[in-house]
Protein backbone atom coordinates (compact mmCIF):
# COMPACT_ATOMS: atom_id res chain seq x y z
CA MET A 1 0.00 0.00 0.00
CA ILE A 2 1.00 3.62 -0.54
CA LEU A 3 1.96 5.68 2.53
CA GLY A 4 2.85 8.85 0.64
CA VAL A 5 3.16 10.39 -2.81
CA GLU A 6 5.07 13.46 -3.93
CA ILE A 7 4.71 14.84 -7.45
CA GLU A 8 7.06 17.54 -8.73
CA ASN A 9 6.83 19.55 -11.95
CA PHE A 10 4.07 17.50 -13.56
CA ASP A 11 0.52 18.37 -14.56
CA VAL A 12 -0.87 20.90 -12.03
CA PHE A 13 1.66 20.02 -9.31
CA ASP A 14 4.85 21.97 -8.61
CA ARG A 15 5.98 19.92 -5.59
CA ASP A 16 2.96 18.61 -3.74
CA ARG A 17 2.60 15.71 -1.36
CA ALA A 18 -0.12 13.54 0.11
CA GLY A 19 1.05 11.39 3.02
CA ILE A 20 4.63 10.89 4.19
CA LEU A 21 7.93 9.90 2.60
CA ILE A 22 10.72 7.75 3.98
CA ASP A 23 12.68 10.49 5.80
CA GLU A 24 9.55 11.67 7.60
CA SER A 25 8.69 8.07 8.47
CA ILE A 26 12.06 7.61 10.17
CA ALA A 27 11.67 10.95 11.99
CA ILE A 28 8.26 9.80 13.29
CA ALA A 29 9.75 6.51 14.54
CA LYS A 30 12.53 8.39 16.34
CA GLU A 31 10.06 10.79 17.95
CA LYS A 32 7.92 7.90 19.18
CA ALA A 33 11.00 6.12 20.53
CA ALA A 34 11.84 9.31 22.43
CA GLY A 35 8.32 9.44 23.87
CA ASN A 36 7.09 12.34 21.72
CA ASN A 37 3.69 11.47 20.26
CA GLU A 38 2.36 15.01 19.94
CA THR A 39 3.55 15.84 16.43
CA VAL A 40 0.88 15.15 13.81
CA HIS A 41 2.14 13.18 10.79
CA ASN A 42 -0.52 11.78 8.54
CA ARG A 43 0.21 9.02 6.08
CA LEU A 44 -2.16 7.68 3.47
CA ARG A 45 -4.39 5.05 5.04
CA ASN A 46 -6.05 1.88 3.78
CA LEU A 47 -9.13 3.95 2.92
CA ASN A 48 -8.69 7.52 1.65
CA ALA A 49 -11.14 10.12 0.33
CA LEU A 50 -9.98 13.02 -1.85
CA VAL A 51 -12.29 16.01 -1.51
CA GLY A 52 -12.27 19.59 -2.74
CA ARG A 53 -13.91 21.93 -5.20
CA ASN A 54 -14.01 21.21 -8.92
CA SER A 55 -10.68 21.42 -10.81
CA THR A 56 -8.53 21.41 -7.68
CA GLY A 57 -6.34 18.46 -8.74
CA LYS A 58 -8.12 15.32 -7.50
CA THR A 59 -8.48 13.80 -10.97
CA SER A 60 -4.99 14.99 -11.89
CA PHE A 61 -3.56 13.27 -8.81
CA MET A 62 -4.96 9.92 -9.90
CA GLY A 63 -3.97 10.63 -13.49
CA CYS A 64 -0.36 11.20 -12.43
CA LEU A 65 -0.25 7.83 -10.69
CA SER A 66 -1.86 6.16 -13.70
CA PHE A 67 0.89 7.71 -15.83
CA LEU A 68 3.55 6.44 -13.40
CA GLN A 69 2.14 2.92 -13.60
CA ASP A 70 2.31 3.03 -17.40
CA VAL A 71 5.88 4.34 -17.24
CA ILE A 72 6.88 1.38 -15.08
CA THR A 73 5.12 -1.21 -17.24
CA ASP A 74 5.49 0.25 -20.77
CA GLY A 75 8.21 2.91 -20.65
CA CYS A 76 7.94 6.70 -20.54
CA ALA A 77 7.62 7.25 -24.31
CA GLU A 78 4.64 4.92 -24.68
CA ALA A 79 3.06 6.13 -21.43
CA SER A 80 3.13 9.74 -22.66
CA ILE A 81 0.83 9.12 -25.62
CA THR A 82 -1.53 6.33 -24.49
CA LYS A 83 -4.96 6.86 -22.91
CA GLY A 84 -5.39 10.18 -24.65
CA ARG A 85 -2.28 11.77 -23.15
CA PRO A 86 -0.86 14.67 -25.21
CA GLY A 87 2.86 13.83 -24.96
CA PHE A 88 5.23 14.41 -22.07
CA ALA A 89 6.32 17.91 -23.10
CA ASN A 90 2.69 19.01 -22.86
CA MET A 91 2.24 17.50 -19.39
CA SER A 92 5.33 19.02 -17.76
CA PRO A 93 4.88 22.69 -16.75
CA ASP A 94 8.60 23.38 -17.16
CA ILE A 95 10.39 21.12 -19.65
CA SER A 96 13.75 22.64 -18.73
CA LYS A 97 13.54 20.71 -15.43
CA PRO A 98 12.86 17.03 -14.72
CA SER A 99 9.52 15.81 -13.41
CA PHE A 100 9.77 13.66 -10.30
CA PHE A 101 7.52 11.02 -8.76
CA ARG A 102 8.30 9.82 -5.24
CA VAL A 103 6.18 7.05 -3.72
CA PHE A 104 6.64 5.52 -0.26
CA PHE A 105 5.27 2.00 0.17
CA LYS A 106 4.46 -0.43 2.94
CA LEU A 107 4.92 -3.90 1.45
CA GLU A 108 4.50 -7.36 2.86
CA ASP A 109 7.80 -9.23 3.10
CA ASN A 110 7.21 -12.60 1.42
CA GLY A 111 9.80 -14.28 3.60
CA THR A 112 8.76 -13.05 7.06
CA GLY A 113 5.23 -11.74 6.50
CA LYS A 114 6.29 -8.55 8.27
CA PRO A 115 5.97 -5.06 6.76
CA LYS A 116 8.80 -3.71 4.66
CA TYR A 117 9.09 -0.02 3.84
CA VAL A 118 10.41 1.00 0.43
CA GLN A 119 10.52 4.36 -1.34
CA TYR A 120 10.75 4.57 -5.11
CA GLU A 121 11.74 7.73 -6.98
CA ILE A 122 11.89 8.37 -10.70
CA GLY A 123 12.86 11.48 -12.64
CA ILE A 124 11.75 12.03 -16.24
CA SER A 125 13.32 14.74 -18.39
CA THR A 126 12.57 16.19 -21.81
CA SER A 127 15.19 15.91 -24.57
CA ILE A 128 15.98 18.67 -27.05
CA TYR A 129 13.56 16.89 -29.38
CA LYS A 130 10.82 17.19 -26.71
CA SER A 131 10.71 13.44 -26.14
CA PRO A 132 10.85 12.00 -22.59
CA TYR A 133 13.63 9.90 -21.12
CA ILE A 134 14.40 8.45 -17.68
CA SER A 135 17.00 10.78 -16.17
CA SER A 136 17.17 9.33 -12.65
CA GLU A 137 15.86 6.43 -10.61
CA LYS A 138 16.31 5.62 -6.94
CA ALA A 139 14.95 3.19 -4.36
CA PHE A 140 15.49 3.07 -0.60
CA THR A 141 14.42 0.84 2.25
CA THR A 142 14.55 1.20 6.02
CA VAL A 143 16.78 -0.98 8.19
CA ILE A 144 16.79 -1.28 11.97
CA SER A 145 20.31 -1.53 13.34
CA GLY A 146 20.28 -1.80 17.13
CA ASP A 147 18.37 1.25 18.37
CA GLU A 148 18.88 3.10 15.10
CA ILE A 149 16.60 3.25 12.05
CA LYS A 150 18.30 4.25 8.83
CA THR A 151 17.78 4.28 5.09
CA VAL A 152 19.66 1.91 2.82
CA LYS A 153 19.91 2.39 -0.94
CA LEU A 154 18.57 -0.32 -3.20
CA LEU A 155 18.95 1.55 -6.49
CA ASP A 156 20.73 4.72 -7.59
CA ILE A 157 20.85 5.51 -11.31
CA GLU A 158 21.59 8.76 -13.12
CA GLU A 159 21.39 9.03 -16.91
CA GLY A 160 21.22 5.25 -17.32
CA ARG A 161 24.25 4.38 -15.13
CA GLY A 162 24.51 3.66 -11.44
CA THR A 163 24.38 0.97 -8.78
CA ILE A 164 21.90 -1.66 -7.59
CA SER A 165 21.62 -3.95 -4.58
CA PHE A 166 22.16 -7.40 -6.08
CA PRO A 167 20.91 -10.75 -4.70
CA GLY A 168 22.92 -11.87 -1.70
CA ALA A 169 24.51 -8.45 -1.20
CA GLY A 170 25.29 -7.25 2.30
CA GLU A 171 23.78 -4.10 3.77
CA GLY A 172 24.80 -1.15 1.57
CA GLU A 173 26.71 -3.37 -0.87
CA MET A 174 25.97 -2.39 -4.47
CA GLY A 175 26.85 -3.57 -7.96
CA GLU A 176 27.12 -1.56 -11.17
CA VAL A 177 24.16 -1.35 -13.54
CA VAL A 178 23.67 0.16 -16.99
CA VAL A 179 20.28 0.58 -18.68
CA ASP A 180 20.69 1.04 -22.43
CA ASP A 181 17.07 1.94 -23.21
CA GLU A 182 16.55 5.48 -21.92
CA HIS A 183 12.77 5.04 -22.03
CA LEU A 184 12.65 2.02 -19.71
CA PRO A 185 13.06 2.24 -15.92
CA ALA A 186 15.43 -0.25 -14.29
CA LEU A 187 12.47 -1.33 -12.14
CA SER A 188 10.68 -2.62 -15.23
CA ILE A 189 13.66 -4.90 -15.87
CA TYR A 190 14.78 -6.04 -12.42
CA GLY A 191 11.18 -6.24 -11.21
CA LYS A 192 10.77 -9.28 -13.46
CA LEU A 193 13.83 -11.17 -12.19
CA SER A 194 12.84 -13.43 -9.30
CA LYS A 195 16.16 -13.16 -7.47
CA TYR A 196 15.74 -9.40 -7.03
CA THR A 197 13.01 -9.88 -4.43
CA ASP A 198 12.68 -6.23 -3.35
CA PHE A 199 12.25 -5.05 -6.93
CA VAL A 200 9.84 -7.87 -7.77
CA ALA A 201 7.65 -6.86 -4.82
CA LEU A 202 7.83 -3.18 -5.79
CA PHE A 203 7.08 -3.82 -9.47
CA ARG A 204 4.16 -6.11 -8.60
CA GLU A 205 2.74 -3.49 -6.23
CA ILE A 206 2.68 -0.77 -8.90
CA ARG A 207 1.55 -3.09 -11.69
CA ASN A 208 -1.42 -4.18 -9.55
CA TRP A 209 -2.80 -0.67 -9.12
CA PHE A 210 -6.35 -0.60 -10.50
CA PHE A 211 -7.85 2.58 -11.95
CA CYS A 212 -11.60 2.09 -11.88
CA SER A 213 -13.76 3.83 -14.51
CA PHE A 214 -17.13 2.21 -13.85
CA SER A 215 -18.70 5.66 -13.53
CA SER A 216 -17.03 7.20 -16.57
CA ASP A 217 -19.05 8.56 -19.48
CA GLU A 218 -17.41 6.25 -22.02
CA GLN A 219 -18.21 3.14 -19.99
CA SER A 220 -21.68 2.54 -21.42
CA SER A 221 -20.55 2.47 -25.06
CA TYR A 222 -18.25 -0.49 -24.42
CA PHE A 223 -21.16 -2.80 -23.73
CA ASN A 224 -22.46 -2.36 -27.26
CA GLU A 225 -19.15 -3.34 -28.85
CA GLY A 226 -18.90 -6.85 -27.47
CA GLY A 227 -15.75 -8.46 -26.17
CA ALA A 228 -13.56 -11.51 -26.32
CA PRO A 229 -15.45 -14.71 -25.42
CA GLY A 230 -14.52 -16.98 -22.53
CA GLY A 231 -13.76 -16.47 -18.88
CA HIS A 232 -11.73 -13.53 -17.55
CA LYS A 233 -10.10 -13.61 -14.11
CA HIS A 234 -10.56 -9.92 -13.34
CA LEU A 235 -12.78 -7.00 -14.25
CA ASN A 236 -11.26 -4.48 -16.63
CA SER A 237 -11.23 -0.77 -15.76
CA LEU A 238 -14.62 -0.14 -17.41
CA GLY A 239 -16.31 -3.29 -16.12
CA SER A 240 -17.26 -4.15 -19.70
CA ASN A 241 -16.15 -7.79 -19.29
CA VAL A 242 -18.43 -8.51 -16.34
CA GLY A 243 -20.08 -11.41 -18.19
CA ASN A 244 -16.69 -12.99 -18.81
CA VAL A 245 -15.72 -12.61 -15.15
CA LEU A 246 -18.95 -14.20 -13.94
CA GLU A 247 -18.37 -17.08 -16.35
CA TYR A 248 -14.82 -17.58 -15.04
CA MET A 249 -15.96 -17.50 -11.41
CA LYS A 250 -18.70 -20.04 -12.01
CA MET A 251 -16.41 -22.42 -13.91
CA SER A 252 -13.60 -22.13 -11.33
CA ASP A 253 -15.61 -22.77 -8.18
CA GLU A 254 -19.39 -22.82 -8.46
CA THR A 255 -19.92 -23.01 -4.69
CA GLU A 256 -17.77 -19.94 -4.07
CA TYR A 257 -19.44 -18.20 -7.01
CA GLU A 258 -22.90 -18.78 -5.50
CA ARG A 259 -21.72 -17.56 -2.10
CA ILE A 260 -20.26 -14.31 -3.46
CA ILE A 261 -23.18 -13.58 -5.79
CA SER A 262 -25.71 -14.28 -3.03
CA GLU A 263 -23.86 -11.92 -0.71
CA ILE A 264 -23.73 -9.17 -3.35
CA LYS A 265 -27.38 -9.62 -4.35
CA SER A 266 -28.47 -9.31 -0.72
CA LYS A 267 -27.11 -5.76 -0.67
CA ILE A 268 -28.76 -4.53 -3.90
CA PRO A 269 -32.55 -4.00 -3.75
CA THR A 270 -33.14 -4.61 -7.48
CA MET A 271 -31.46 -8.03 -7.25
CA LYS A 272 -32.32 -9.09 -3.70
CA HIS A 273 -35.36 -11.22 -4.61
CA ARG A 274 -34.18 -12.53 -7.99
CA LYS A 275 -33.25 -16.19 -8.13
CA ASN A 276 -30.77 -15.67 -10.98
CA LEU A 277 -28.78 -12.70 -12.16
CA PRO A 278 -30.69 -10.78 -14.85
CA GLU A 279 -29.38 -11.41 -18.37
CA VAL A 280 -29.47 -7.68 -19.06
CA LEU A 281 -26.68 -7.29 -16.49
CA LYS A 282 -24.16 -8.23 -19.15
CA GLU A 283 -25.33 -5.36 -21.35
CA SER A 284 -25.99 -2.65 -18.76
CA PRO A 285 -24.70 -3.72 -15.37
CA ASP A 286 -25.68 -2.12 -12.10
CA LYS A 287 -22.78 0.13 -11.05
CA LEU A 288 -23.00 -1.01 -7.45
CA PHE A 289 -22.86 -4.65 -8.59
CA LEU A 290 -19.61 -3.92 -10.45
CA TYR A 291 -18.06 -2.25 -7.39
CA LEU A 292 -19.02 -5.09 -5.08
CA LEU A 293 -17.77 -7.69 -7.56
CA LEU A 294 -14.44 -5.84 -7.76
CA LEU A 295 -14.19 -5.75 -3.96
CA HIS A 296 -14.76 -9.53 -3.80
CA ASP A 297 -12.01 -10.39 -6.27
CA GLY A 298 -10.06 -13.40 -5.03
CA ALA A 299 -6.77 -11.68 -5.92
CA PRO A 300 -7.23 -8.20 -4.39
CA ARG A 301 -5.57 -5.21 -6.01
CA SER A 302 -2.78 -3.43 -4.12
CA THR A 303 -4.46 -0.04 -4.57
CA ILE A 304 -7.83 0.74 -6.16
CA PHE A 305 -8.33 4.27 -7.46
CA ILE A 306 -11.93 5.36 -8.04
CA GLU A 307 -13.20 8.71 -9.24
CA THR A 308 -16.64 9.60 -7.80
CA PRO A 309 -17.79 6.04 -6.94
CA ASP A 310 -21.04 7.53 -5.62
CA LYS A 311 -22.06 8.81 -9.07
CA ASP A 312 -25.53 7.55 -10.11
CA LEU A 313 -26.05 5.75 -6.78
CA TYR A 314 -29.07 6.36 -4.55
CA HIS A 315 -28.06 7.65 -1.10
CA ASP A 316 -28.68 4.40 0.79
CA MET A 317 -26.64 2.53 -1.80
CA VAL A 318 -23.80 4.97 -1.16
CA ASP A 319 -23.84 3.74 2.44
CA VAL A 320 -23.62 0.13 1.22
CA LEU A 321 -20.64 0.96 -0.98
CA ALA A 322 -18.86 2.83 1.83
CA ASP A 323 -19.33 -0.14 4.17
CA GLU A 324 -18.05 -2.58 1.53
CA MET A 325 -14.97 -0.47 0.82
CA ARG A 326 -14.17 -0.43 4.52
CA ALA A 327 -14.67 -4.20 4.74
CA TYR A 328 -12.33 -4.70 1.78
CA THR A 329 -9.49 -2.83 3.51
CA LEU A 330 -10.07 -4.73 6.75
CA ARG A 331 -9.92 -8.09 4.94
CA ASN A 332 -6.78 -7.11 3.04
CA GLY A 333 -4.38 -5.36 5.37
CA TYR A 334 -1.84 -4.42 2.70
CA CYS A 335 -4.42 -3.12 0.22
CA GLN A 336 -6.05 0.29 0.01
CA ILE A 337 -8.67 2.35 -1.78
CA ILE A 338 -8.20 5.97 -2.84
CA PHE A 339 -11.34 7.66 -4.14
CA SER A 340 -12.50 11.17 -4.98
CA THR A 341 -15.96 12.45 -4.15
CA HIS A 342 -18.25 15.46 -3.88
CA ASN A 343 -20.75 13.56 -1.73
CA PRO A 344 -20.75 14.02 2.08
CA TYR A 345 -22.67 10.73 2.56
CA ILE A 346 -19.77 8.51 1.51
CA ILE A 347 -17.26 10.00 3.95
CA GLU A 348 -19.59 10.14 6.96
CA THR A 349 -17.95 7.15 8.67
CA LEU A 350 -14.36 8.01 7.72
CA SER A 351 -11.95 9.55 10.23
CA PRO A 352 -10.21 12.92 9.69
CA LYS A 353 -6.96 11.05 8.97
CA GLU A 354 -8.63 9.39 5.98
CA VAL A 355 -9.79 12.60 4.29
CA TRP A 356 -7.47 14.63 2.03
CA ILE A 357 -8.46 18.14 0.97
CA PHE A 358 -7.36 19.53 -2.39
CA GLU A 359 -7.32 23.31 -2.83
CA ARG A 360 -6.24 25.60 -5.63
CA THR A 361 -5.93 29.36 -6.05
CA PHE A 362 -6.30 29.32 -9.86
CA GLU A 363 -3.77 32.17 -10.05
CA LYS A 364 -1.89 30.24 -12.74
CA ASP A 365 -2.37 27.22 -14.98
CA SER A 366 -0.34 24.89 -12.77
CA GLY A 367 1.63 24.73 -9.57
CA ASP A 368 -0.88 26.34 -7.21
CA VAL A 369 -2.42 23.18 -5.74
CA THR A 370 -2.18 22.39 -2.03
CA ILE A 371 -3.03 19.05 -0.41
CA ARG A 372 -3.74 18.78 3.30
CA CYS A 373 -5.13 16.12 5.58
CA ALA A 374 -8.25 16.87 7.60
CA GLY A 375 -6.47 15.11 10.46
CA ASN A 376 -4.16 18.10 10.76
CA ASP A 377 -7.05 20.41 11.67
CA PRO A 378 -7.54 20.47 15.48
CA LEU A 379 -11.14 21.76 15.19
CA VAL A 380 -12.13 18.98 12.77
CA CYS A 381 -10.48 16.34 14.97
CA GLU A 382 -12.23 17.64 18.09
CA MET A 383 -15.63 17.71 16.38
CA PHE A 384 -15.08 14.14 15.18
CA ARG A 385 -13.98 13.05 18.67
CA GLN A 386 -17.24 14.42 20.03
CA GLY A 387 -19.26 12.31 17.60
CA VAL A 388 -19.81 14.54 14.57
CA GLY A 389 -19.39 12.57 11.33
CA MET A 390 -17.00 13.72 8.61
CA GLY A 391 -19.87 14.15 6.14
CA ALA A 392 -21.61 16.58 8.51
CA ILE A 393 -18.34 18.40 9.19
CA TRP A 394 -17.77 18.80 5.45
CA TYR A 395 -21.36 19.85 4.77
CA ALA A 396 -21.01 22.52 7.46
CA GLY A 397 -18.04 23.97 5.55
CA HIS A 398 -15.23 23.07 7.92
CA LEU A 399 -13.14 21.31 5.24
CA ASP A 400 -13.29 24.08 2.62
CA SER A 401 -11.40 27.31 2.39
CA GLU A 402 -13.49 30.33 1.59
CA PRO A 403 -13.86 30.75 -2.21
CA ASP A 404 -12.59 33.98 -3.75
C-alpha cells in the first residue's frame, strides 16, 4: 500500500505531497522512541477520500499515478501518448527541469510476512527533441540496526548508469548497472527477475494498481461493442467484461461463485429477490454490482483508485458501498482504496486522517495546488472526537477554504 506520494513539476503540481515519505517516516519513529507522540504526521491510510472543489487536482492526482504505472510497465515514451495523453512535453509545466515522482510503500515481506518499507523515486526529463527519457531512478528501504533506524539504498541511477543492490549483497553493498534503453526504468527490468526480491515486490505493487472507470461517461458504449469470449479472471477498468468474469468465477468454483453472488445480491434492492442474475446485467450492469464484484475479487488489487464512486447511486446505496470499501481494507491489510468524491454521505464514517483536501488558487495554470489532511485540523479532529461525522463536518463547511 501507498503511505505517501510526492509529485514535482508534472501536470498541475509543482511539488505537492499527500502522506509521508521515507525520511519523515524515520523521523516519526525516532520521535515515538523518544516518547514524543504530539507531532501530527498523517500518512495515506487503507481507505482515503480526496475532496475539494471542482478542478482542484483530485483527478490529476490519480492521473499522475496512472501515468507512473504506465511508465513502469510500458516505458515513458509509450506512457506519454496512451490513454489520450498529449505527450510528455505538454504534461510538464517546465520542460527545462525534470519531473519527479516519489512514492513511499508499505509492502508485505514474502519471507517473514512482516511489513517492509520502500521508497521509489523516478525522474523524467525532456530531450531537445521534446521526447521523454528516464533521467534518474532511486529506491530506498529502512533498516533497523540496534536502536537506530536508517535508510539503505537499493537503487541509484543517473542518466542510465549507477548501482543496484544485487541478490545476496550485504547491507549497503551495491553492484554496477547500466540501462541502455533510456525510455525504460530499471524497475521494469529487475522487477521481473525473481532473485531481485525487493524489486519484484515493488514492481508487482505498482503493476497491480487498479484505476476504476465504472462511472465514466465512455463506460456505457463499451457494452455495445462486445468483447472476447470466454472467462476472464478480473474486471477491466470499465467493467465491460463482467459477463466474462462471472463465467470464469462459475467455472472455477461454483460453490464460491454462488456464495459471493448471493452476498452481493443481498445488498442490492433490485437483485435481492431474484433467483438468478438478470441477463441484461451483461449489457448494462448495475454500477454497485460492479463495485461489489471488484471488492470480492479473489486476488485483491494493491491499490484501487476510483473517481466519484457515488455517481448515479441512490443515497442508501452509497452507504452500502462505503461499508463494503471499509470491509475490503479490513480483509486485506496491505491493500487500500483511494477515491474522490463530492458527496458528504460517503465520507460520513471516515476519520479525519482518511480525508485529504485539495485546494487551488487558480492564479496560474499549474503549480498552485495544495493538499492537506483533515487530520491536521484540530477543530475537525475535536468535532469528530465528540461524535460529529465527517460528512456533517464537510457539509457545514469546515473542510473548505473560503472561495474567492
